[in-house]
């Protein structure tokens, strides 16, 4: 039970807020890769550390994770341009 609570809490810390749909997509697509490549960073509950680790290891991740991360990046860029 505590492992499930840890995973849920860590999932909520993965990435900064907007855009929510892209964030959920990255979380869903990348969680297995994050557990595999970034477990130490995940244990810190630091979004920034997890995100940096995922970016560092993005070429090792699954195609689904890479696509979700690219969509998230594109959504963040679009938001900055629209601001």
Protein backbone atom coordinates (compact mmCIF):
# COMPACT_ATOMS: atom_id res chain seq x y z
CA UNK A 1 0.00 0.00 0.00
CA UNK A 2 2.78 2.47 0.82
CA UNK A 3 4.42 1.77 -2.54
CA UNK A 4 1.22 2.75 -4.34
CA UNK A 5 0.99 5.95 -2.30
CA UNK A 6 4.63 6.72 -3.16
CA UNK A 7 4.05 6.18 -6.87
CA UNK A 8 0.93 8.35 -6.86
CA UNK A 9 2.68 11.11 -4.96
CA UNK A 10 5.70 10.94 -7.24
CA UNK A 11 3.47 11.02 -10.30
CA UNK A 12 2.02 14.29 -9.12
CA UNK A 13 5.49 15.79 -8.86
CA UNK A 14 6.78 14.88 -12.28
CA UNK A 15 6.44 18.07 -14.18
CA UNK A 16 5.40 21.65 -13.69
CA UNK A 17 1.72 22.47 -14.12
CA UNK A 18 0.64 23.70 -17.57
CA UNK A 19 -0.35 22.40 -20.02
CA UNK A 20 -2.22 19.75 -18.11
CA UNK A 21 -3.06 17.41 -20.98
CA UNK A 22 0.54 17.31 -22.17
CA UNK A 23 1.69 16.77 -18.58
CA UNK A 24 -0.66 13.83 -18.09
CA UNK A 25 0.46 12.40 -21.40
CA UNK A 26 4.13 12.54 -20.40
CA UNK A 27 3.40 11.07 -16.99
CA UNK A 28 1.44 8.18 -18.47
CA UNK A 29 3.86 7.48 -21.31
CA UNK A 30 7.11 7.96 -19.40
CA UNK A 31 6.54 6.58 -15.91
CA UNK A 32 8.07 3.16 -16.72
CA UNK A 33 11.10 4.90 -18.23
CA UNK A 34 11.36 7.28 -15.29
CA UNK A 35 11.31 4.35 -12.89
CA UNK A 36 13.98 2.63 -14.98
CA UNK A 37 16.37 5.53 -15.60
CA UNK A 38 15.55 8.08 -12.90
CA UNK A 39 14.55 6.15 -9.79
CA UNK A 40 17.00 8.06 -7.58
CA UNK A 41 15.62 11.39 -8.75
CA UNK A 42 12.05 10.14 -8.37
CA UNK A 43 12.77 9.29 -4.75
CA UNK A 44 13.72 12.92 -4.08
CA UNK A 45 10.23 14.16 -5.03
CA UNK A 46 11.90 16.93 -7.02
CA UNK A 47 10.15 17.70 -10.32
CA UNK A 48 13.21 19.53 -11.57
CA UNK A 49 15.53 16.59 -10.89
CA UNK A 50 13.15 14.08 -12.47
CA UNK A 51 12.63 16.30 -15.48
CA UNK A 52 16.38 16.86 -15.92
CA UNK A 53 17.02 13.14 -15.66
CA UNK A 54 14.31 12.33 -18.19
CA UNK A 55 15.71 14.89 -20.62
CA UNK A 56 19.21 13.50 -20.13
CA UNK A 57 17.99 9.97 -20.88
CA UNK A 58 15.32 10.75 -23.48
CA UNK A 59 17.07 8.83 -26.26
CA UNK A 60 16.92 5.67 -24.13
CA UNK A 61 13.17 5.97 -23.51
CA UNK A 62 10.35 4.34 -25.41
CA UNK A 63 9.00 5.95 -28.57
CA UNK A 64 5.74 6.73 -26.73
CA UNK A 65 7.62 8.62 -24.04
CA UNK A 66 9.67 10.51 -26.60
CA UNK A 67 6.53 11.55 -28.49
CA UNK A 68 4.77 12.67 -25.31
CA UNK A 69 7.83 14.65 -24.20
CA UNK A 70 8.05 16.31 -27.62
CA UNK A 71 4.36 17.24 -27.49
CA UNK A 72 4.89 18.70 -23.99
CA UNK A 73 7.88 20.70 -25.17
CA UNK A 74 5.94 22.02 -28.17
CA UNK A 75 2.98 22.97 -25.96
CA UNK A 76 5.27 24.85 -23.56
CA UNK A 77 6.89 26.72 -26.46
CA UNK A 78 3.49 27.65 -27.88
CA UNK A 79 2.37 28.92 -24.48
CA UNK A 80 5.50 31.09 -24.14
CA UNK A 81 4.94 32.56 -27.60
CA UNK A 82 1.28 33.21 -26.80
CA UNK A 83 2.09 34.96 -23.52
